[in-house]
Amino acid sequence: MTEELALYLGRRAMEVALLLMAPVLVVTLVTGFAAAMLQAVTSIRDMTMGMVLKLACIGATLVIAGSWMTQTALGFTRDVFNLIQTMAK
């Protein structure tokens, strides 16, 4: 394995990881901010409300984007195994 290939695989792994995390992190950030604003406006101090909202939104995000996330991860895995097969020859 050359240095270029190792760097490519490392960079590509980081890109795929960030790409897979992005939808869930963005939804969690927006939901947490909205829940905090709602709690501040209504003076509700219940910590479970924000957590339940976040969990529900994360679940919905995984249902909506789950197949895309799976296909992206499988595509990266196929690429890695193809590179391993190419190197073995």
C-alpha atoms as a PDB file:
ATOM      1  CA  MET A   1       0.000   0.000   0.000  1.00  0.00           C
ATOM      2  CA  THR A   2       1.409   3.329  -1.006  1.00  0.00           C
ATOM      3  CA  GLU A   3       1.235   6.484   1.052  1.00  0.00           C
ATOM      4  CA  GLU A   4      -1.062   8.092  -1.492  1.00  0.00           C
ATOM      5  CA  LEU A   5      -3.530   5.210  -1.253  1.00  0.00           C
ATOM      6  CA  ALA A   6      -3.490   5.283   2.546  1.00  0.00           C
ATOM      7  CA  LEU A   7      -4.089   9.028   2.569  1.00  0.00           C
ATOM      8  CA  TYR A   8      -6.854   8.665  -0.004  1.00  0.00           C
ATOM      9  CA  LEU A   9      -8.598   5.965   2.035  1.00  0.00           C
ATOM     10  CA  GLY A  10      -8.285   7.983   5.235  1.00  0.00           C
ATOM     11  CA  ARG A  11      -9.621  11.142   3.614  1.00  0.00           C
ATOM     12  CA  ARG A  12     -12.445   9.273   1.920  1.00  0.00           C
ATOM     13  CA  ALA A  13     -13.386   7.537   5.198  1.00  0.00           C
ATOM     14  CA  MET A  14     -13.574  10.906   6.958  1.00  0.00           C
ATOM     15  CA  GLU A  15     -15.674  12.370   4.132  1.00  0.00           C
ATOM     16  CA  VAL A  16     -18.114   9.465   4.225  1.00  0.00           C
ATOM     17  CA  ALA A  17     -18.343   9.621   8.024  1.00  0.00           C
ATOM     18  CA  LEU A  18     -19.099  13.348   7.939  1.00  0.00           C
ATOM     19  CA  LEU A  19     -21.591  12.840   5.134  1.00  0.00           C
ATOM     20  CA  LEU A  20     -23.405  10.134   7.101  1.00  0.00           C
ATOM     21  CA  MET A  21     -23.451  12.145  10.327  1.00  0.00           C
ATOM     22  CA  ALA A  22     -24.600  15.417   8.780  1.00  0.00           C
ATOM     23  CA  PRO A  23     -28.370  14.806   8.502  1.00  0.00           C
ATOM     24  CA  VAL A  24     -28.717  13.560  12.071  1.00  0.00           C
ATOM     25  CA  LEU A  25     -26.503  16.294  13.520  1.00  0.00           C
ATOM     26  CA  VAL A  26     -28.281  19.090  11.658  1.00  0.00           C
ATOM     27  CA  VAL A  27     -31.719  17.840  12.674  1.00  0.00           C
ATOM     28  CA  THR A  28     -30.582  17.452  16.292  1.00  0.00           C
ATOM     29  CA  LEU A  29     -29.118  20.954  16.305  1.00  0.00           C
ATOM     30  CA  VAL A  30     -32.241  22.568  14.855  1.00  0.00           C
ATOM     31  CA  THR A  31     -34.565  20.575  17.109  1.00  0.00           C
ATOM     32  CA  GLY A  32     -32.526  21.358  20.213  1.00  0.00           C
ATOM     33  CA  PHE A  33     -32.493  25.062  19.381  1.00  0.00           C
ATOM     34  CA  ALA A  34     -36.258  25.085  18.726  1.00  0.00           C
ATOM     35  CA  ALA A  35     -36.974  23.180  21.944  1.00  0.00           C
ATOM     36  CA  ALA A  36     -34.763  25.567  23.932  1.00  0.00           C
ATOM     37  CA  MET A  37     -36.544  28.562  22.422  1.00  0.00           C
ATOM     38  CA  LEU A  38     -39.935  27.028  23.181  1.00  0.00           C
ATOM     39  CA  GLN A  39     -38.887  26.345  26.762  1.00  0.00           C
ATOM     40  CA  ALA A  40     -37.527  29.868  27.183  1.00  0.00           C
ATOM     41  CA  VAL A  41     -40.673  31.490  25.803  1.00  0.00           C
ATOM     42  CA  THR A  42     -43.087  29.371  27.840  1.00  0.00           C
ATOM     43  CA  SER A  43     -40.894  29.152  30.979  1.00  0.00           C
ATOM     44  CA  ILE A  44     -41.105  25.347  30.917  1.00  0.00           C
ATOM     45  CA  ARG A  45     -38.153  23.831  32.776  1.00  0.00           C
ATOM     46  CA  ASP A  46     -38.783  20.192  31.865  1.00  0.00           C
ATOM     47  CA  MET A  47     -35.554  18.697  30.506  1.00  0.00           C
ATOM     48  CA  THR A  48     -37.262  15.606  29.116  1.00  0.00           C
ATOM     49  CA  MET A  49     -39.274  17.645  26.606  1.00  0.00           C
ATOM     50  CA  GLY A  50     -36.179  18.585  24.633  1.00  0.00           C
ATOM     51  CA  MET A  51     -34.792  15.072  24.799  1.00  0.00           C
ATOM     52  CA  VAL A  52     -38.032  13.462  23.626  1.00  0.00           C
ATOM     53  CA  LEU A  53     -38.308  15.933  20.740  1.00  0.00           C
ATOM     54  CA  LYS A  54     -34.710  15.256  19.712  1.00  0.00           C
ATOM     55  CA  LEU A  55     -35.184  11.489  19.848  1.00  0.00           C
ATOM     56  CA  ALA A  56     -38.385  11.677  17.809  1.00  0.00           C
ATOM     57  CA  CYS A  57     -36.731  13.866  15.171  1.00  0.00           C
ATOM     58  CA  ILE A  58     -33.665  11.635  15.035  1.00  0.00           C
ATOM     59  CA  GLY A  59     -35.913   8.614  14.521  1.00  0.00           C
ATOM     60  CA  ALA A  60     -37.796  10.376  11.732  1.00  0.00           C
ATOM     61  CA  THR A  61     -34.513  11.421  10.121  1.00  0.00           C
ATOM     62  CA  LEU A  62     -33.205   7.863  10.209  1.00  0.00           C
ATOM     63  CA  VAL A  63     -36.432   6.576   8.672  1.00  0.00           C
ATOM     64  CA  ILE A  64     -36.302   9.181   5.901  1.00  0.00           C
ATOM     65  CA  ALA A  65     -32.556   9.171   5.179  1.00  0.00           C
ATOM     66  CA  GLY A  66     -31.723   5.652   6.345  1.00  0.00           C
ATOM     67  CA  SER A  67     -31.680   3.995   2.947  1.00  0.00           C
ATOM     68  CA  TRP A  68     -29.475   6.744   1.496  1.00  0.00           C
ATOM     69  CA  MET A  69     -27.119   6.436   4.461  1.00  0.00           C
ATOM     70  CA  THR A  70     -26.966   2.658   4.038  1.00  0.00           C
ATOM     71  CA  GLN A  71     -26.298   2.914   0.299  1.00  0.00           C
ATOM     72  CA  THR A  72     -23.519   5.460   0.906  1.00  0.00           C
ATOM     73  CA  ALA A  73     -21.855   3.270   3.524  1.00  0.00           C
ATOM     74  CA  LEU A  74     -22.172   0.172   1.331  1.00  0.00           C
ATOM     75  CA  GLY A  75     -20.721   2.030  -1.656  1.00  0.00           C
ATOM     76  CA  PHE A  76     -17.686   3.062   0.385  1.00  0.00           C
ATOM     77  CA  THR A  77     -17.272  -0.489   1.688  1.00  0.00           C
ATOM     78  CA  ARG A  78     -17.428  -1.872  -1.853  1.00  0.00           C
ATOM     79  CA  ASP A  79     -14.779   0.631  -2.959  1.00  0.00           C
ATOM     80  CA  VAL A  80     -12.474  -0.398  -0.120  1.00  0.00           C
ATOM     81  CA  PHE A  81     -12.893  -4.100  -0.862  1.00  0.00           C
ATOM     82  CA  ASN A  82     -12.296  -3.481  -4.567  1.00  0.00           C
ATOM     83  CA  LEU A  83      -9.066  -1.644  -3.708  1.00  0.00           C
ATOM     84  CA  ILE A  84      -8.002  -4.540  -1.492  1.00  0.00           C
ATOM     85  CA  GLN A  85      -8.749  -6.991  -4.296  1.00  0.00           C
ATOM     86  CA  THR A  86      -6.773  -4.846  -6.761  1.00  0.00           C
ATOM     87  CA  MET A  87      -3.811  -4.646  -4.394  1.00  0.00           C
ATOM     88  CA  ALA A  88      -3.806  -8.406  -3.866  1.00  0.00           C
ATOM     89  CA  LYS A  89      -3.260  -9.083  -7.584  1.00  0.00           C
END
